[in-house]
N, C-alpha and C. Protein backbone atom coordinates (compact mmCIF):
# COMPACT_ATOMS: atom_id res chain seq x y z
N MET A 1 11.95 8.37 7.62
CA MET A 1 11.02 7.81 6.65
C MET A 1 10.37 8.93 5.83
N ASN A 2 10.95 10.08 5.73
CA ASN A 2 10.38 11.16 4.95
C ASN A 2 10.28 10.80 3.48
N ASN A 3 9.11 11.03 2.90
CA ASN A 3 8.85 10.81 1.48
C ASN A 3 9.35 9.45 0.99
N SER A 4 8.95 8.42 1.72
CA SER A 4 9.28 7.05 1.33
C SER A 4 8.05 6.42 0.68
N SER A 5 8.11 5.12 0.44
CA SER A 5 6.95 4.44 -0.15
C SER A 5 5.79 4.32 0.84
N LYS A 6 6.05 4.54 2.13
CA LYS A 6 5.01 4.45 3.15
C LYS A 6 4.58 5.82 3.69
N PHE A 7 5.32 6.83 3.38
CA PHE A 7 5.04 8.14 3.96
C PHE A 7 5.42 9.24 2.97
N PHE A 8 4.51 10.18 2.80
CA PHE A 8 4.78 11.32 1.93
C PHE A 8 4.03 12.53 2.48
N ARG A 9 4.71 13.63 2.61
CA ARG A 9 4.09 14.86 3.10
C ARG A 9 4.30 15.93 2.05
N ASN A 10 3.21 16.56 1.64
CA ASN A 10 3.28 17.59 0.61
C ASN A 10 2.93 18.96 1.20
N TYR A 11 3.93 19.62 1.72
CA TYR A 11 3.72 20.95 2.30
C TYR A 11 3.25 21.96 1.27
N GLU A 12 3.50 21.70 0.01
CA GLU A 12 3.15 22.66 -1.04
C GLU A 12 1.70 22.52 -1.51
N CYS A 13 1.01 21.50 -1.06
CA CYS A 13 -0.39 21.31 -1.44
C CYS A 13 -1.23 22.46 -0.88
N GLU A 14 -2.12 22.98 -1.68
CA GLU A 14 -2.95 24.10 -1.22
C GLU A 14 -3.89 23.70 -0.09
N TYR A 15 -4.12 22.42 0.12
CA TYR A 15 -5.02 21.94 1.16
C TYR A 15 -4.29 21.40 2.39
N PHE A 16 -2.96 21.43 2.38
CA PHE A 16 -2.19 20.85 3.48
C PHE A 16 -2.29 21.69 4.74
N PRO A 17 -2.56 21.04 5.87
CA PRO A 17 -3.13 19.71 6.01
C PRO A 17 -4.64 19.78 5.78
N CYS A 18 -5.20 18.75 5.22
CA CYS A 18 -6.62 18.75 4.88
C CYS A 18 -7.51 18.48 6.09
N HIS A 19 -6.91 18.08 7.21
CA HIS A 19 -7.62 17.88 8.47
C HIS A 19 -6.89 18.67 9.54
N LYS A 20 -7.63 19.15 10.53
CA LYS A 20 -7.01 19.87 11.63
C LYS A 20 -6.23 18.90 12.50
N VAL A 21 -4.96 19.23 12.71
CA VAL A 21 -4.09 18.42 13.56
C VAL A 21 -3.25 19.36 14.42
N LYS A 22 -2.80 18.85 15.56
CA LYS A 22 -1.97 19.66 16.45
C LYS A 22 -0.57 19.82 15.90
N ASN A 23 -0.04 18.74 15.30
CA ASN A 23 1.32 18.74 14.78
C ASN A 23 1.32 18.05 13.42
N ASP A 24 1.73 18.74 12.39
CA ASP A 24 1.68 18.16 11.05
C ASP A 24 2.94 17.41 10.65
N ASP A 25 3.88 17.20 11.59
CA ASP A 25 5.11 16.46 11.28
C ASP A 25 4.85 15.02 10.89
N ASN A 26 3.80 14.42 11.42
CA ASN A 26 3.47 13.02 11.13
C ASN A 26 2.30 12.89 10.17
N PHE A 27 1.88 13.98 9.56
CA PHE A 27 0.75 13.96 8.65
C PHE A 27 1.16 13.34 7.32
N ASN A 28 0.52 12.23 6.98
CA ASN A 28 0.86 11.47 5.78
C ASN A 28 -0.11 11.82 4.65
N CYS A 29 0.43 12.29 3.54
CA CYS A 29 -0.37 12.64 2.37
C CYS A 29 -0.45 11.50 1.35
N LEU A 30 0.20 10.39 1.64
CA LEU A 30 0.26 9.28 0.69
C LEU A 30 -1.13 8.84 0.26
N PHE A 31 -2.04 8.69 1.21
CA PHE A 31 -3.41 8.31 0.89
C PHE A 31 -4.28 9.57 0.94
N CYS A 32 -4.03 10.47 0.02
CA CYS A 32 -4.77 11.73 -0.03
C CYS A 32 -6.28 11.45 -0.04
N TYR A 33 -6.69 10.52 -0.86
CA TYR A 33 -8.07 10.04 -0.86
C TYR A 33 -8.05 8.66 -0.24
N CYS A 34 -8.81 8.47 0.80
CA CYS A 34 -8.74 7.24 1.58
C CYS A 34 -9.17 6.02 0.76
N PRO A 35 -8.30 5.02 0.66
CA PRO A 35 -8.66 3.80 -0.06
C PRO A 35 -9.67 2.94 0.71
N LEU A 36 -9.95 3.29 1.96
CA LEU A 36 -10.91 2.52 2.76
C LEU A 36 -12.31 3.13 2.74
N TYR A 37 -12.47 4.21 2.03
CA TYR A 37 -13.76 4.92 2.02
C TYR A 37 -14.92 4.00 1.65
N PHE A 38 -14.70 3.10 0.70
CA PHE A 38 -15.77 2.23 0.22
C PHE A 38 -16.13 1.10 1.18
N LEU A 39 -15.32 0.90 2.21
CA LEU A 39 -15.58 -0.17 3.17
C LEU A 39 -16.57 0.29 4.25
N PRO A 40 -17.65 -0.44 4.44
CA PRO A 40 -18.60 -0.06 5.51
C PRO A 40 -17.94 -0.08 6.89
N GLN A 41 -17.04 -1.03 7.11
CA GLN A 41 -16.34 -1.15 8.39
C GLN A 41 -14.85 -0.79 8.20
N CYS A 42 -14.60 0.46 7.90
CA CYS A 42 -13.23 0.90 7.62
C CYS A 42 -12.42 1.09 8.90
N GLY A 43 -13.10 1.28 10.03
CA GLY A 43 -12.41 1.51 11.29
C GLY A 43 -12.20 2.98 11.59
N GLY A 44 -12.66 3.84 10.70
CA GLY A 44 -12.45 5.27 10.86
C GLY A 44 -13.53 5.97 11.66
N ASN A 45 -13.25 7.20 12.00
CA ASN A 45 -14.16 8.05 12.75
C ASN A 45 -14.95 8.90 11.76
N TYR A 46 -16.03 8.36 11.24
CA TYR A 46 -16.83 9.06 10.25
C TYR A 46 -18.28 9.19 10.72
N THR A 47 -19.01 10.08 10.09
CA THR A 47 -20.45 10.19 10.30
C THR A 47 -21.11 9.99 8.95
N LEU A 48 -22.39 9.64 8.98
CA LEU A 48 -23.13 9.45 7.74
C LEU A 48 -24.01 10.66 7.46
N ILE A 49 -23.99 11.08 6.21
CA ILE A 49 -24.87 12.13 5.74
C ILE A 49 -25.94 11.44 4.91
N ASP A 50 -27.18 11.73 5.17
CA ASP A 50 -28.29 11.10 4.44
C ASP A 50 -28.27 9.59 4.56
N ASN A 51 -27.72 9.06 5.65
CA ASN A 51 -27.64 7.62 5.91
C ASN A 51 -26.91 6.82 4.84
N LYS A 52 -26.09 7.48 3.99
CA LYS A 52 -25.37 6.73 2.97
C LYS A 52 -24.01 7.30 2.59
N THR A 53 -23.80 8.57 2.77
CA THR A 53 -22.55 9.21 2.36
C THR A 53 -21.68 9.46 3.59
N LYS A 54 -20.44 8.98 3.53
CA LYS A 54 -19.52 9.17 4.65
C LYS A 54 -18.97 10.60 4.67
N ASP A 55 -18.92 11.16 5.86
CA ASP A 55 -18.22 12.42 6.10
C ASP A 55 -17.03 12.06 6.98
N CYS A 56 -15.85 12.09 6.40
CA CYS A 56 -14.63 11.64 7.08
C CYS A 56 -13.79 12.79 7.62
N THR A 57 -14.42 13.92 7.82
CA THR A 57 -13.72 15.10 8.30
C THR A 57 -12.93 14.84 9.58
N ASN A 58 -13.47 14.03 10.47
CA ASN A 58 -12.83 13.79 11.76
C ASN A 58 -11.96 12.53 11.79
N CYS A 59 -11.67 11.97 10.65
CA CYS A 59 -10.87 10.74 10.59
C CYS A 59 -9.45 11.05 10.10
N LEU A 60 -8.49 10.49 10.80
CA LEU A 60 -7.09 10.68 10.43
C LEU A 60 -6.38 9.36 10.09
N ILE A 61 -7.13 8.28 9.98
CA ILE A 61 -6.50 6.98 9.71
C ILE A 61 -5.58 7.02 8.51
N PRO A 62 -6.00 7.51 7.35
CA PRO A 62 -5.09 7.48 6.20
C PRO A 62 -3.95 8.48 6.31
N HIS A 63 -4.05 9.41 7.24
CA HIS A 63 -3.04 10.46 7.34
C HIS A 63 -2.06 10.26 8.49
N ASN A 64 -2.18 9.15 9.20
CA ASN A 64 -1.25 8.86 10.28
C ASN A 64 -0.10 8.03 9.72
N ARG A 65 1.11 8.46 9.94
CA ARG A 65 2.28 7.79 9.34
C ARG A 65 2.41 6.33 9.78
N ASP A 66 1.77 5.94 10.88
CA ASP A 66 1.88 4.57 11.37
C ASP A 66 0.78 3.65 10.85
N ASN A 67 -0.11 4.13 10.00
CA ASN A 67 -1.26 3.33 9.56
C ASN A 67 -1.14 2.73 8.17
N TYR A 68 0.02 2.78 7.57
CA TYR A 68 0.21 2.20 6.24
C TYR A 68 -0.14 0.71 6.23
N GLU A 69 0.42 -0.04 7.18
CA GLU A 69 0.17 -1.48 7.24
C GLU A 69 -1.30 -1.77 7.54
N TYR A 70 -1.92 -0.96 8.42
CA TYR A 70 -3.33 -1.13 8.74
C TYR A 70 -4.19 -1.03 7.47
N ILE A 71 -3.92 -0.03 6.65
CA ILE A 71 -4.69 0.16 5.43
C ILE A 71 -4.48 -1.00 4.47
N LEU A 72 -3.26 -1.43 4.29
CA LEU A 72 -3.00 -2.57 3.40
C LEU A 72 -3.68 -3.84 3.90
N LEU A 73 -3.68 -4.07 5.21
CA LEU A 73 -4.33 -5.25 5.77
C LEU A 73 -5.84 -5.20 5.54
N LYS A 74 -6.46 -4.04 5.75
CA LYS A 74 -7.90 -3.91 5.51
C LYS A 74 -8.24 -4.18 4.05
N LEU A 75 -7.43 -3.68 3.14
CA LEU A 75 -7.67 -3.90 1.72
C LEU A 75 -7.49 -5.37 1.35
N LYS A 76 -6.46 -5.98 1.91
CA LYS A 76 -6.21 -7.40 1.66
C LYS A 76 -7.36 -8.25 2.19
N ASP A 77 -7.82 -7.95 3.40
CA ASP A 77 -8.94 -8.69 3.99
C ASP A 77 -10.18 -8.57 3.14
N LYS A 78 -10.46 -7.39 2.64
CA LYS A 78 -11.63 -7.17 1.78
C LYS A 78 -11.49 -7.96 0.49
N HIS A 79 -10.31 -7.96 -0.09
CA HIS A 79 -10.06 -8.70 -1.31
C HIS A 79 -10.27 -10.21 -1.09
N ASN A 80 -9.82 -10.72 0.04
CA ASN A 80 -9.92 -12.15 0.33
C ASN A 80 -11.36 -12.59 0.60
N GLU A 81 -12.25 -11.63 0.95
CA GLU A 81 -13.66 -11.95 1.17
C GLU A 81 -14.36 -12.29 -0.15
N GLN A 82 -13.86 -11.77 -1.22
CA GLN A 82 -14.56 -11.90 -2.51
C GLN A 82 -14.22 -13.14 -3.25
């Protein structure tokens, strides 16, 4: 599944990997900026700065190659709420 519609790894990016990981073989760059950031209940491992700004340094949800469907489901659920 290398560089498919669900997985993309950019070894040439100056920030790769943008999070500390033990093995970067499964590091997915497809969601470089997390599409779930705006969700209060994104499911990620984040902390709040000033009680309002997310610090997602310790979250790997968008960068795990197996979480593509999870992200799409969260976005779909949010859309259906509105």
